[in-house]
Amino acid sequence: KPTDGQLSVERIRALELVTFVYNDDEQERTRRGIIAQQAQEVDSQYVKNVEMSYMKDGVQVKFDRLQLDNNVIMMDTLAAVKVLIKRVDELEEKLSALEIE
């Protein structure tokens, strides 16, 4: 069924863009993005739980990590852009009408 693009605008607006360094990044690279825990508060579909693992001292360490579901975020962004394009078009029409008078 069709989705309400305005809800997408509100969800995208609620996301906080940040810079951060992953706790386990030995190179301490600064990243830009959104924090999965905050995105989850905005919409639970924005994240998924994934099982991660690595070897440490010959022992496999497993843990769960929240990961952004970029497809869902991208679809909300697309819906929000469509709403905003429509608003711009309407404003341009109003401006055009004012300039004609």
Foldseek 3Di string as FASTA:
>chain_A
DDDQLVLLLVLVVQFDWDWAFDPPPPVRDIDIDTDQVSSCVSPVLQWDKDWDWDDDPNDIDIDIDIDGPVVVNVVSVVSNVVVVVVVVVVVVVVVVVVVVD
